[in-house]
Amino acid sequence: MSWPAAERKDATALHAFNSKRSMRHKLFAYPRSCRLVRRADFDAVYRHGRRRSSPSFAIFYRPNELDISRFGMSVKRTLGGAVLRNRIRRRMREILRLNRQEIASGWDIVIHPRPSALTADYALLSAELLKLLQTLRA
């Protein structure tokens, strides 16, 4: 059974759209390989790394000898309930996801938001975190 010409055309167009979308998705993805997930990785950053801070964030970092930078987040309970902590996490993850190409590679980075990150505007948070992460090149 074959499809009518119009349906084949629609299916081909949909496939082309999805392939473009998947290429864009890969470019802006935040894959597991870019995350610190093991406790030992976090401990190594805290134990052997360095620290930089800004009004809304403190970051801990150390070289990882990889071609990519890996990120971890630690949001303390003192910042608020689960809803607020998850909102901060989502915002940080989105900043990292959209700007991953601009951040220097070869680092393990743990980000700690401060209480001022709760009320800050997203654009200000983004600019502040990116500025802080770009100092790692030096």
Protein backbone atom coordinates (compact mmCIF):
# COMPACT_ATOMS: atom_id res chain seq x y z
CA MET A 1 0.00 0.00 0.00
CA SER A 2 1.54 3.33 -0.99
CA TRP A 3 0.83 6.78 0.30
CA PRO A 4 -0.75 9.43 -1.87
CA ALA A 5 1.69 12.05 -3.19
CA ALA A 6 0.41 14.80 -0.84
CA GLU A 7 0.93 12.63 2.25
CA ARG A 8 4.43 11.63 1.11
CA LYS A 9 5.30 15.32 0.66
CA ASP A 10 4.01 16.15 4.15
CA ALA A 11 5.95 13.25 5.69
CA THR A 12 9.15 14.35 3.90
CA ALA A 13 8.72 17.94 5.07
CA LEU A 14 8.11 16.76 8.64
CA HIS A 15 11.26 14.62 8.54
CA ALA A 16 13.33 17.58 7.27
CA PHE A 17 11.90 19.79 10.03
CA ASN A 18 12.69 17.21 12.71
CA SER A 19 16.26 16.69 11.46
CA LYS A 20 16.92 20.47 11.56
CA ARG A 21 15.38 20.54 15.01
CA SER A 22 17.58 17.68 16.21
CA MET A 23 20.73 19.46 14.93
CA ARG A 24 19.69 22.57 16.83
CA HIS A 25 18.87 20.41 19.83
CA LYS A 26 22.37 18.89 19.81
CA LEU A 27 23.94 22.32 19.62
CA PHE A 28 22.01 23.63 22.63
CA ALA A 29 21.68 20.38 24.55
CA TYR A 30 22.84 19.90 28.12
CA PRO A 31 23.84 16.22 28.02
CA ARG A 32 24.75 14.08 30.99
CA SER A 33 28.41 14.16 29.89
CA CYS A 34 28.43 17.89 30.75
CA ARG A 35 27.23 17.32 34.31
CA LEU A 36 28.96 16.41 37.52
CA VAL A 37 26.85 13.61 38.93
CA ARG A 38 29.05 11.57 41.27
CA ARG A 39 29.71 12.67 44.81
CA ALA A 40 33.42 11.90 44.32
CA ASP A 41 33.55 14.47 41.50
CA PHE A 42 31.97 17.13 43.71
CA ASP A 43 34.34 16.27 46.58
CA ALA A 44 37.37 16.50 44.27
CA VAL A 45 36.32 19.99 43.16
CA TYR A 46 35.83 21.14 46.75
CA ARG A 47 39.03 19.51 48.01
CA HIS A 48 41.47 20.34 45.19
CA GLY A 49 39.80 23.24 43.42
CA ARG A 50 39.70 26.98 43.73
CA ARG A 51 36.87 29.40 44.39
CA ARG A 52 35.52 32.58 42.84
CA SER A 53 32.43 34.51 43.80
CA SER A 54 30.06 37.27 42.81
CA PRO A 55 27.04 38.79 44.56
CA SER A 56 24.69 36.00 43.40
CA PHE A 57 27.00 32.99 42.94
CA ALA A 58 30.01 31.21 44.34
CA ILE A 59 31.77 28.79 42.01
CA PHE A 60 34.30 26.12 42.81
CA TYR A 61 36.43 24.88 39.93
CA ARG A 62 39.33 22.64 39.03
CA PRO A 63 40.88 21.43 35.75
CA ASN A 64 39.51 18.10 34.53
CA GLU A 65 41.82 17.27 31.55
CA LEU A 66 38.78 16.70 29.29
CA ASP A 67 37.67 18.48 26.13
CA ILE A 68 34.51 19.71 27.85
CA SER A 69 33.60 21.47 31.05
CA ARG A 70 31.32 19.66 33.46
CA PHE A 71 28.93 21.48 35.76
CA GLY A 72 27.36 20.66 39.09
CA MET A 73 24.92 22.65 41.19
CA SER A 74 24.41 22.73 44.90
CA VAL A 75 21.43 24.67 46.18
CA LYS A 76 21.19 24.81 49.96
CA ARG A 77 17.92 24.38 51.83
CA THR A 78 18.39 27.73 53.51
CA LEU A 79 17.45 29.38 50.20
CA GLY A 80 13.86 28.24 50.53
CA GLY A 81 11.48 25.42 49.83
CA ALA A 82 11.74 22.92 47.00
CA VAL A 83 9.85 25.14 44.57
CA LEU A 84 12.30 28.02 44.97
CA ARG A 85 15.36 25.79 44.90
CA ASN A 86 14.17 24.05 41.75
CA ARG A 87 13.46 27.40 40.08
CA ILE A 88 17.04 28.51 40.73
CA ARG A 89 18.33 25.18 39.40
CA ARG A 90 16.26 25.48 36.23
CA ARG A 91 17.49 29.01 35.63
CA MET A 92 21.14 28.04 36.10
CA ARG A 93 20.73 24.98 33.88
CA GLU A 94 19.18 27.10 31.14
CA ILE A 95 21.98 29.67 31.32
CA LEU A 96 24.56 26.89 31.02
CA ARG A 97 22.66 25.13 28.25
CA LEU A 98 22.34 28.22 26.07
CA ASN A 99 25.90 29.43 26.63
CA ARG A 100 27.86 26.18 26.84
CA GLN A 101 29.85 27.03 23.69
CA GLU A 102 31.08 30.32 25.20
CA ILE A 103 32.39 28.80 28.43
CA ALA A 104 36.00 27.63 28.55
CA SER A 105 36.42 23.88 28.29
CA GLY A 106 38.48 21.63 30.54
CA TRP A 107 36.98 22.49 33.93
CA ASP A 108 34.87 20.81 36.59
CA ILE A 109 32.67 23.55 38.05
CA VAL A 110 30.27 23.49 41.00
CA ILE A 111 27.91 26.46 41.28
CA HIS A 112 26.39 27.65 44.57
CA PRO A 113 23.67 30.30 44.23
CA ARG A 114 23.35 32.88 46.98
CA PRO A 115 20.09 34.27 48.40
CA SER A 116 20.22 37.28 46.05
CA ALA A 117 19.76 34.84 43.11
CA LEU A 118 16.17 34.24 44.29
CA THR A 119 14.98 37.73 43.46
CA ALA A 120 17.35 38.68 40.64
CA ASP A 121 16.14 39.10 37.09
CA TYR A 122 17.05 36.26 34.70
CA ALA A 123 19.03 38.55 32.39
CA LEU A 124 21.11 39.87 35.30
CA LEU A 125 21.70 36.34 36.61
CA SER A 126 22.79 35.20 33.17
CA ALA A 127 25.21 38.09 32.69
CA GLU A 128 26.67 37.67 36.17
CA LEU A 129 27.17 33.91 35.91
CA LEU A 130 28.70 34.14 32.43
CA LYS A 131 31.06 36.89 33.54
CA LEU A 132 32.13 34.77 36.49
CA LEU A 133 32.66 31.67 34.33
CA GLN A 134 34.63 33.60 31.71
CA THR A 135 37.21 34.56 34.34
CA LEU A 136 38.31 30.91 34.37
CA ARG A 137 40.26 31.43 31.16
CA ALA A 138 42.84 33.50 33.01
